[in-house]
C-alpha atoms as a PDB file:
ATOM      1  CA  MET A   1      -0.321  -0.245   0.082  1.00  0.00           C
ATOM      2  CA  GLY A   2       1.421   3.284  -0.873  1.00  0.00           C
ATOM      3  CA  ALA A   3       1.968   6.226   1.325  1.00  0.00           C
ATOM      4  CA  ALA A   4      -1.157   8.518   2.244  1.00  0.00           C
ATOM      5  CA  ILE A   5      -1.529  11.282  -0.051  1.00  0.00           C
ATOM      6  CA  PRO A   6      -1.130  14.771   2.533  1.00  0.00           C
ATOM      7  CA  ASP A   7      -2.710  17.675   2.088  1.00  0.00           C
ATOM      8  CA  TYR A   8      -1.101  20.393  -0.585  1.00  0.00           C
ATOM      9  CA  GLU A   9      -1.692  23.275  -2.251  1.00  0.00           C
ATOM     10  CA  ILE A  10      -1.009  24.505  -5.584  1.00  0.00           C
ATOM     11  CA  ILE A  11      -0.402  27.971  -7.116  1.00  0.00           C
ATOM     12  CA  ALA A  12       0.357  28.632 -10.424  1.00  0.00           C
ATOM     13  CA  PRO A  13       1.096  32.156 -12.604  1.00  0.00           C
ATOM     14  CA  PRO A  14      -1.956  32.017 -14.847  1.00  0.00           C
ATOM     15  CA  ALA A  15       0.438  34.087 -17.535  1.00  0.00           C
ATOM     16  CA  LEU A  16       2.826  31.120 -17.220  1.00  0.00           C
ATOM     17  CA  PRO A  17       0.899  27.289 -17.284  1.00  0.00           C
ATOM     18  CA  ALA A  18       4.666  25.646 -17.771  1.00  0.00           C
ATOM     19  CA  ALA A  19       6.553  27.563 -15.296  1.00  0.00           C
ATOM     20  CA  PRO A  20       9.032  25.253 -13.224  1.00  0.00           C
ATOM     21  CA  TRP A  21       7.606  23.590 -10.122  1.00  0.00           C
ATOM     22  CA  LEU A  22       9.070  25.122  -6.700  1.00  0.00           C
ATOM     23  CA  THR A  23       7.931  22.791  -4.076  1.00  0.00           C
ATOM     24  CA  PHE A  24       8.021  24.020  -0.276  1.00  0.00           C
ATOM     25  CA  VAL A  25       8.004  21.357   3.000  1.00  0.00           C
ATOM     26  CA  HIS A  26       7.862  22.866   6.711  1.00  0.00           C
ATOM     27  CA  ALA A  27       9.841  22.113   9.815  1.00  0.00           C
ATOM     28  CA  ALA A  28       7.936  19.840  12.705  1.00  0.00           C
ATOM     29  CA  VAL A  29       5.222  21.643  14.884  1.00  0.00           C
ATOM     30  CA  GLN A  30       4.422  24.379  11.677  1.00  0.00           C
ATOM     31  CA  ASP A  31       2.521  24.256   8.548  1.00  0.00           C
ATOM     32  CA  ARG A  32       2.431  25.519   5.064  1.00  0.00           C
ATOM     33  CA  ARG A  33       1.370  28.698   6.249  1.00  0.00           C
ATOM     34  CA  VAL A  34       5.390  29.657   6.924  1.00  0.00           C
ATOM     35  CA  TRP A  35       6.231  30.282   3.616  1.00  0.00           C
ATOM     36  CA  GLY A  36       3.840  33.002   3.275  1.00  0.00           C
ATOM     37  CA  PRO A  37       6.668  35.195   2.311  1.00  0.00           C
ATOM     38  CA  GLN A  38       8.157  33.375  -0.079  1.00  0.00           C
ATOM     39  CA  VAL A  39       4.699  32.552  -2.146  1.00  0.00           C
ATOM     40  CA  ASP A  40       4.806  36.016  -1.958  1.00  0.00           C
ATOM     41  CA  ALA A  41       8.361  36.721  -3.844  1.00  0.00           C
ATOM     42  CA  PHE A  42       7.932  33.689  -6.625  1.00  0.00           C
ATOM     43  CA  ARG A  43       4.223  33.064  -7.143  1.00  0.00           C
ATOM     44  CA  ASP A  44       4.693  35.242 -10.650  1.00  0.00           C
ATOM     45  CA  ARG A  45       7.496  32.626 -12.403  1.00  0.00           C
ATOM     46  CA  PHE A  46       7.145  29.058 -10.135  1.00  0.00           C
ATOM     47  CA  ARG A  47       4.251  27.117  -9.920  1.00  0.00           C
ATOM     48  CA  LEU A  48       4.382  26.363  -6.348  1.00  0.00           C
ATOM     49  CA  LEU A  49       3.638  23.493  -4.340  1.00  0.00           C
ATOM     50  CA  LEU A  50       3.026  23.790  -0.830  1.00  0.00           C
ATOM     51  CA  VAL A  51       2.941  20.382   1.423  1.00  0.00           C
ATOM     52  CA  ASP A  52       1.175  20.279   4.659  1.00  0.00           C
ATOM     53  CA  LEU A  53       3.258  17.004   6.276  1.00  0.00           C
ATOM     54  CA  PRO A  54       1.152  14.422   8.119  1.00  0.00           C
ATOM     55  CA  GLY A  55       0.149  15.311  11.659  1.00  0.00           C
ATOM     56  CA  HIS A  56       0.700  19.076  10.572  1.00  0.00           C
ATOM     57  CA  GLY A  57      -1.824  21.550   8.970  1.00  0.00           C
ATOM     58  CA  LYS A  58      -4.571  20.287   6.382  1.00  0.00           C
ATOM     59  CA  SER A  59      -3.057  17.603   6.643  1.00  0.00           C
ATOM     60  CA  ALA A  60      -3.334  16.572  10.552  1.00  0.00           C
ATOM     61  CA  ASP A  61      -6.099  13.669  10.344  1.00  0.00           C
ATOM     62  CA  ARG A  62      -3.214  11.535   8.506  1.00  0.00           C
ATOM     63  CA  SER A  63      -2.077   8.853  10.812  1.00  0.00           C
ATOM     64  CA  GLY A  64       1.593   7.999  11.897  1.00  0.00           C
ATOM     65  CA  PRO A  65       3.806   6.677  12.563  1.00  0.00           C
ATOM     66  CA  TYR A  66       5.658  10.146  11.806  1.00  0.00           C
ATOM     67  CA  GLY A  67       9.091  10.055  11.415  1.00  0.00           C
ATOM     68  CA  PHE A  68      11.280  11.321   8.406  1.00  0.00           C
ATOM     69  CA  ALA A  69      11.342   7.847   6.188  1.00  0.00           C
ATOM     70  CA  GLU A  70       7.481   8.530   6.436  1.00  0.00           C
ATOM     71  CA  TYR A  71       7.519  12.245   5.494  1.00  0.00           C
ATOM     72  CA  ALA A  72       9.770  11.637   2.786  1.00  0.00           C
ATOM     73  CA  ASP A  73       7.049   8.736   1.764  1.00  0.00           C
ATOM     74  CA  SER A  74       4.369  11.339   1.947  1.00  0.00           C
ATOM     75  CA  VAL A  75       6.082  14.565  -0.265  1.00  0.00           C
ATOM     76  CA  LEU A  76       6.758  11.957  -2.450  1.00  0.00           C
ATOM     77  CA  ALA A  77       3.269  10.716  -2.810  1.00  0.00           C
ATOM     78  CA  ALA A  78       2.263  14.857  -2.914  1.00  0.00           C
ATOM     79  CA  LEU A  79       4.646  15.386  -5.805  1.00  0.00           C
ATOM     80  CA  ASP A  80       2.948  12.294  -7.953  1.00  0.00           C
ATOM     81  CA  ASP A  81      -0.482  13.139  -7.355  1.00  0.00           C
ATOM     82  CA  ALA A  82       0.362  16.587  -8.140  1.00  0.00           C
ATOM     83  CA  GLY A  83       1.786  15.796 -11.624  1.00  0.00           C
ATOM     84  CA  VAL A  84       4.913  17.598 -10.617  1.00  0.00           C
ATOM     85  CA  GLU A  85       8.068  15.025 -12.372  1.00  0.00           C
ATOM     86  CA  SER A  86      10.594  17.846 -11.353  1.00  0.00           C
ATOM     87  CA  THR A  87      11.046  20.429  -9.062  1.00  0.00           C
ATOM     88  CA  HIS A  88      13.438  23.023  -6.918  1.00  0.00           C
ATOM     89  CA  TYR A  89      12.949  22.094  -3.194  1.00  0.00           C
ATOM     90  CA  VAL A  90      13.073  24.009  -0.235  1.00  0.00           C
ATOM     91  CA  GLY A  91      12.683  22.689   2.995  1.00  0.00           C
ATOM     92  CA  THR A  92      13.787  23.794   6.658  1.00  0.00           C
ATOM     93  CA  HIS A  93      14.489  21.877   9.507  1.00  0.00           C
ATOM     94  CA  THR A  94      12.494  18.417   8.970  1.00  0.00           C
ATOM     95  CA  GLY A  95      11.544  19.508   5.454  1.00  0.00           C
ATOM     96  CA  SER A  96      15.349  19.797   4.956  1.00  0.00           C
ATOM     97  CA  ALA A  97      15.761  16.090   6.037  1.00  0.00           C
ATOM     98  CA  VAL A  98      12.960  14.838   3.647  1.00  0.00           C
ATOM     99  CA  ALA A  99      15.359  16.539   1.161  1.00  0.00           C
ATOM    100  CA  LEU A 100      18.361  14.805   1.361  1.00  0.00           C
ATOM    101  CA  ILE A 101      16.004  11.064   1.802  1.00  0.00           C
ATOM    102  CA  LEU A 102      14.556  11.754  -1.576  1.00  0.00           C
ATOM    103  CA  ALA A 103      17.685  13.320  -3.049  1.00  0.00           C
ATOM    104  CA  VAL A 104      19.237   9.846  -2.427  1.00  0.00           C
ATOM    105  CA  ARG A 105      16.234   7.798  -3.433  1.00  0.00           C
ATOM    106  CA  ALA A 106      14.915   9.850  -6.177  1.00  0.00           C
ATOM    107  CA  PRO A 107      17.597  12.414  -7.738  1.00  0.00           C
ATOM    108  CA  GLU A 108      16.150  13.195 -10.912  1.00  0.00           C
ATOM    109  CA  ARG A 109      12.959  14.706  -9.211  1.00  0.00           C
ATOM    110  CA  PHE A 110      15.046  17.175  -8.383  1.00  0.00           C
ATOM    111  CA  ARG A 111      16.474  20.418 -10.276  1.00  0.00           C
ATOM    112  CA  SER A 112      18.074  21.951  -7.363  1.00  0.00           C
ATOM    113  CA  LEU A 113      17.650  21.911  -2.936  1.00  0.00           C
ATOM    114  CA  VAL A 114      17.505  24.663  -0.680  1.00  0.00           C
ATOM    115  CA  LEU A 115      18.170  23.699   2.441  1.00  0.00           C
ATOM    116  CA  GLU A 116      17.228  25.800   5.906  1.00  0.00           C
ATOM    117  CA  GLY A 117      18.901  23.965   8.693  1.00  0.00           C
ATOM    118  CA  PRO A 118      19.272  20.849   8.015  1.00  0.00           C
ATOM    119  CA  PRO A 119      19.731  17.748  10.152  1.00  0.00           C
ATOM    120  CA  ILE A 120      21.392  14.679   8.002  1.00  0.00           C
ATOM    121  CA  PRO A 121      18.870  12.103   8.262  1.00  0.00           C
ATOM    122  CA  GLY A 122      19.929   9.020  10.484  1.00  0.00           C
ATOM    123  CA  VAL A 123      22.848  11.432  12.250  1.00  0.00           C
ATOM    124  CA  ASP A 124      22.128  12.290  15.844  1.00  0.00           C
ATOM    125  CA  MET A 125      21.293  15.816  16.982  1.00  0.00           C
ATOM    126  CA  PRO A 126      21.015  15.415  20.788  1.00  0.00           C
ATOM    127  CA  ALA A 127      19.271  19.641  21.181  1.00  0.00           C
ATOM    128  CA  VAL A 128      16.565  18.390  18.992  1.00  0.00           C
ATOM    129  CA  SER A 129      16.121  14.565  20.090  1.00  0.00           C
ATOM    130  CA  ASP A 130      15.857  16.302  23.627  1.00  0.00           C
ATOM    131  CA  ALA A 131      13.486  18.545  22.688  1.00  0.00           C
ATOM    132  CA  ILE A 132      11.120  16.359  21.224  1.00  0.00           C
ATOM    133  CA  ALA A 133      11.178  13.641  23.805  1.00  0.00           C
ATOM    134  CA  ARG A 134      10.709  16.273  26.484  1.00  0.00           C
ATOM    135  CA  ALA A 135       7.533  17.493  24.103  1.00  0.00           C
ATOM    136  CA  ARG A 136       6.007  13.984  24.195  1.00  0.00           C
ATOM    137  CA  ALA A 137       6.316  13.399  27.833  1.00  0.00           C
ATOM    138  CA  ILE A 138       4.944  16.965  28.325  1.00  0.00           C
ATOM    139  CA  ALA A 139       1.964  16.238  25.877  1.00  0.00           C
ATOM    140  CA  ARG A 140       1.302  12.937  27.303  1.00  0.00           C
ATOM    141  CA  GLU A 141       0.951  14.340  30.508  1.00  0.00           C
ATOM    142  CA  GLN A 142      -0.081  18.187  30.444  1.00  0.00           C
ATOM    143  CA  GLY A 143      -1.931  18.375  27.273  1.00  0.00           C
ATOM    144  CA  VAL A 144      -0.908  19.472  23.861  1.00  0.00           C
ATOM    145  CA  GLU A 145      -1.134  22.791  24.488  1.00  0.00           C
ATOM    146  CA  ALA A 146       1.102  22.938  27.385  1.00  0.00           C
ATOM    147  CA  ALA A 147       3.965  21.000  25.103  1.00  0.00           C
ATOM    148  CA  ARG A 148       3.224  23.638  22.057  1.00  0.00           C
ATOM    149  CA  ARG A 149       3.896  26.735  24.254  1.00  0.00           C
ATOM    150  CA  ARG A 150       7.441  24.668  25.909  1.00  0.00           C
ATOM    151  CA  TRP A 151       8.252  24.096  22.950  1.00  0.00           C
ATOM    152  CA  TYR A 152       8.354  27.330  21.750  1.00  0.00           C
ATOM    153  CA  GLU A 153       9.568  29.494  25.083  1.00  0.00           C
ATOM    154  CA  GLU A 154      12.451  26.850  25.453  1.00  0.00           C
ATOM    155  CA  GLY A 155      13.567  26.037  21.598  1.00  0.00           C
ATOM    156  CA  ASP A 156      17.167  27.104  21.108  1.00  0.00           C
ATOM    157  CA  TRP A 157      16.096  27.572  17.328  1.00  0.00           C
ATOM    158  CA  TYR A 158      13.537  29.933  18.496  1.00  0.00           C
ATOM    159  CA  ARG A 159      15.898  32.354  20.796  1.00  0.00           C
ATOM    160  CA  VAL A 160      16.306  35.060  18.391  1.00  0.00           C
ATOM    161  CA  MET A 161      12.914  35.013  17.327  1.00  0.00           C
ATOM    162  CA  ARG A 162      12.013  35.273  20.835  1.00  0.00           C
ATOM    163  CA  GLU A 163      14.871  38.101  21.838  1.00  0.00           C
ATOM    164  CA  HIS A 164      13.906  40.187  18.703  1.00  0.00           C
ATOM    165  CA  PRO A 165       9.911  39.560  18.519  1.00  0.00           C
ATOM    166  CA  GLU A 166       8.689  42.779  16.577  1.00  0.00           C
ATOM    167  CA  ARG A 167      11.433  42.187  13.953  1.00  0.00           C
ATOM    168  CA  CYS A 168      11.301  38.507  13.864  1.00  0.00           C
ATOM    169  CA  ARG A 169       7.602  38.805  13.694  1.00  0.00           C
ATOM    170  CA  ALA A 170       7.179  36.379  16.272  1.00  0.00           C
ATOM    171  CA  GLU A 171       4.054  36.366  17.332  1.00  0.00           C
ATOM    172  CA  ALA A 172       2.675  35.741  14.009  1.00  0.00           C
ATOM    173  CA  HIS A 173       5.008  32.701  14.274  1.00  0.00           C
ATOM    174  CA  TRP A 174       3.402  31.515  17.513  1.00  0.00           C
ATOM    175  CA  ARG A 175       0.158  31.824  15.784  1.00  0.00           C
ATOM    176  CA  ILE A 176       0.735  29.168  13.381  1.00  0.00           C
ATOM    177  CA  LEU A 177       3.144  26.637  15.896  1.00  0.00           C
ATOM    178  CA  SER A 178      -0.344  27.643  18.852  1.00  0.00           C
ATOM    179  CA  GLN A 179      -2.297  25.603  16.194  1.00  0.00           C
ATOM    180  CA  PHE A 180      -0.494  22.229  15.695  1.00  0.00           C
ATOM    181  CA  PRO A 181      -2.534  19.577  16.937  1.00  0.00           C
ATOM    182  CA  GLY A 182       0.230  17.216  18.420  1.00  0.00           C
ATOM    183  CA  ALA A 183      -0.269  14.248  16.910  1.00  0.00           C
ATOM    184  CA  PRO A 184       3.261  13.152  16.532  1.00  0.00           C
ATOM    185  CA  TRP A 185       3.864  13.665  20.030  1.00  0.00           C
ATOM    186  CA  LEU A 186       1.073  11.434  21.022  1.00  0.00           C
ATOM    187  CA  ASP A 187       1.179   8.988  18.373  1.00  0.00           C
ATOM    188  CA  PRO A 188       3.011   5.661  20.286  1.00  0.00           C
ATOM    189  CA  ALA A 189       3.891   3.989  16.850  1.00  0.00           C
ATOM    190  CA  PRO A 190       7.411   4.037  16.430  1.00  0.00           C
ATOM    191  CA  PRO A 191       8.962   5.590  13.370  1.00  0.00           C
ATOM    192  CA  ARG A 192      10.700   3.450  10.881  1.00  0.00           C
ATOM    193  CA  ALA A 193      14.797   3.746  11.574  1.00  0.00           C
ATOM    194  CA  VAL A 194      16.750   5.759   9.284  1.00  0.00           C
ATOM    195  CA  ALA A 195      19.861   4.916   8.585  1.00  0.00           C
ATOM    196  CA  SER A 196      23.222   7.518   8.374  1.00  0.00           C
ATOM    197  CA  HIS A 197      23.066   9.329   5.265  1.00  0.00           C
ATOM    198  CA  LEU A 198      26.458  10.340   5.699  1.00  0.00           C
ATOM    199  CA  GLU A 199      28.176   8.338   2.902  1.00  0.00           C
ATOM    200  CA  HIS A 200      25.534   9.045   0.682  1.00  0.00           C
ATOM    201  CA  LEU A 201      25.910  12.976   0.812  1.00  0.00           C
ATOM    202  CA  PRO A 202      28.969  13.157  -2.100  1.00  0.00           C
ATOM    203  CA  GLY A 203      26.479  11.261  -4.781  1.00  0.00           C
ATOM    204  CA  ILE A 204      24.186  14.265  -4.056  1.00  0.00           C
ATOM    205  CA  ARG A 205      25.116  16.080  -7.252  1.00  0.00           C
ATOM    206  CA  ILE A 206      21.732  18.258  -7.161  1.00  0.00           C
ATOM    207  CA  PRO A 207      22.967  21.994  -6.937  1.00  0.00           C
ATOM    208  CA  THR A 208      22.084  23.017  -2.911  1.00  0.00           C
ATOM    209  CA  LEU A 209      22.069  25.658  -1.391  1.00  0.00           C
ATOM    210  CA  LEU A 210      22.127  25.482   3.180  1.00  0.00           C
ATOM    211  CA  LEU A 211      21.031  28.482   4.855  1.00  0.00           C
ATOM    212  CA  ASN A 212      21.768  28.818   8.599  1.00  0.00           C
ATOM    213  CA  GLY A 213      21.000  31.837  11.004  1.00  0.00           C
ATOM    214  CA  ASP A 214      23.999  33.208  12.552  1.00  0.00           C
ATOM    215  CA  GLY A 215      22.626  32.619  15.889  1.00  0.00           C
ATOM    216  CA  ASP A 216      21.453  28.798  14.896  1.00  0.00           C
ATOM    217  CA  VAL A 217      21.330  26.205  17.125  1.00  0.00           C
ATOM    218  CA  PRO A 218      25.075  24.629  17.050  1.00  0.00           C
ATOM    219  CA  ASP A 219      24.001  21.419  16.337  1.00  0.00           C
ATOM    220  CA  PHE A 220      22.014  22.811  12.985  1.00  0.00           C
ATOM    221  CA  LEU A 221      25.312  24.522  12.412  1.00  0.00           C
ATOM    222  CA  ALA A 222      27.527  21.612  12.830  1.00  0.00           C
ATOM    223  CA  ALA A 223      25.322  19.724  10.370  1.00  0.00           C
ATOM    224  CA  ALA A 224      25.464  22.551   7.685  1.00  0.00           C
ATOM    225  CA  ASP A 225      29.641  22.287   8.432  1.00  0.00           C
ATOM    226  CA  GLU A 226      29.486  18.092   7.201  1.00  0.00           C
ATOM    227  CA  LEU A 227      26.729  19.144   4.166  1.00  0.00           C
ATOM    228  CA  GLU A 228      29.200  21.867   3.167  1.00  0.00           C
ATOM    229  CA  ARG A 229      32.149  19.551   3.592  1.00  0.00           C
ATOM    230  CA  ARG A 230      30.564  16.645   2.041  1.00  0.00           C
ATOM    231  CA  LEU A 231      27.782  17.620  -0.652  1.00  0.00           C
ATOM    232  CA  PRO A 232      29.856  17.882  -4.245  1.00  0.00           C
ATOM    233  CA  ASP A 233      27.839  20.990  -5.681  1.00  0.00           C
ATOM    234  CA  VAL A 234      26.824  22.964  -2.631  1.00  0.00           C
ATOM    235  CA  ARG A 235      26.855  26.792  -1.906  1.00  0.00           C
ATOM    236  CA  ARG A 236      26.885  27.869   2.020  1.00  0.00           C
ATOM    237  CA  GLU A 237      24.944  31.225   3.405  1.00  0.00           C
ATOM    238  CA  ARG A 238      24.121  32.088   7.109  1.00  0.00           C
ATOM    239  CA  ILE A 239      22.249  35.327   7.354  1.00  0.00           C
ATOM    240  CA  PRO A 240      23.322  37.465   9.586  1.00  0.00           C
ATOM    241  CA  GLY A 241      20.841  38.789  13.195  1.00  0.00           C
ATOM    242  CA  THR A 242      18.463  35.596  12.358  1.00  0.00           C
ATOM    243  CA  GLY A 243      18.245  32.356  14.020  1.00  0.00           C
ATOM    244  CA  GLY A 244      16.812  28.776  13.267  1.00  0.00           C
ATOM    245  CA  PHE A 245      14.187  30.293  10.366  1.00  0.00           C
ATOM    246  CA  PRO A 246      15.874  32.879   8.791  1.00  0.00           C
ATOM    247  CA  SER A 247      13.281  32.496   5.715  1.00  0.00           C
ATOM    248  CA  TRP A 248      10.625  33.701   8.261  1.00  0.00           C
ATOM    249  CA  GLU A 249      12.623  36.033  10.071  1.00  0.00           C
ATOM    250  CA  ALA A 250      14.510  37.752   7.861  1.00  0.00           C
ATOM    251  CA  PRO A 251      12.183  36.980   4.814  1.00  0.00           C
ATOM    252  CA  GLU A 252      13.364  39.754   2.301  1.00  0.00           C
ATOM    253  CA  ARG A 253      17.385  38.466   2.864  1.00  0.00           C
ATOM    254  CA  ALA A 254      16.376  34.903   2.298  1.00  0.00           C
ATOM    255  CA  ASN A 255      14.399  35.538  -0.421  1.00  0.00           C
ATOM    256  CA  ALA A 256      16.884  37.777  -2.370  1.00  0.00           C
ATOM    257  CA  LEU A 257      19.225  34.704  -1.733  1.00  0.00           C
ATOM    258  CA  LEU A 258      16.660  31.718  -3.113  1.00  0.00           C
ATOM    259  CA  ARG A 259      16.256  34.041  -5.965  1.00  0.00           C
ATOM    260  CA  GLU A 260      19.955  34.568  -7.222  1.00  0.00           C
ATOM    261  CA  PHE A 261      20.291  30.716  -6.782  1.00  0.00           C
ATOM    262  CA  LEU A 262      17.025  30.231  -8.811  1.00  0.00           C
ATOM    263  CA  SER A 263      17.526  32.223 -11.463  1.00  0.00           C
ATOM    264  CA  ALA A 264      20.554  30.136 -12.179  1.00  0.00           C
ATOM    265  CA  ARG A 265      19.420  27.184 -12.296  1.00  0.00           C
ATOM    266  CA  ARG A 266      15.549  27.951 -14.431  1.00  0.00           C
END
């Protein structure tokens, strides 16, 4: 049985029916609304595919398990269902991990990758693992609302957003997080194990842009360092004054880098 198709949205420019595809995949505890600034910036020149991962947003009713492997299956199912044969791809955090899994599994589907705060599938990130374990325990013992609040108030990837709430549009971001239904924290089924992708990285020849905030979590910066060393066609950028989510915290600067990167790969 194939993966369940997640909810997705297509935004296409009427004047460019054959415009190239640009797919966006969000992070854990988010949904496709986090790409609002990118939708505004790129909807006139690309066909956009915005995916809600299972357990998130309008895919809240998609059952688990919820892990990188299952999310990758769902994104590939969305591409197939939408008729997307080849796409540029932008992911943040979990969305970036999904991209790396699919770049190994189905490299022909991707024209370029933009990976924001990318984890490396199968390589432990202690700060992330600890935060997920705490969120699951709180969700089960105190409820999802309490877990969401702690996720935001204690997550190091939100530190810059918390410290600069107006500049980083923290209130709007919290409105998205506060609607996360919590199924991935509550589901008891273990996700499929994902082997380390370190040895696969030199074989990923898809042009790749790595994005981090200069105030990102050390685990994410270390992962990007490893990707920069191992990927054969890679560019690395750090956006000053941002933390875990530069595309949200500083969209004009992030979009300028994205536009420059994509313009050479149309």
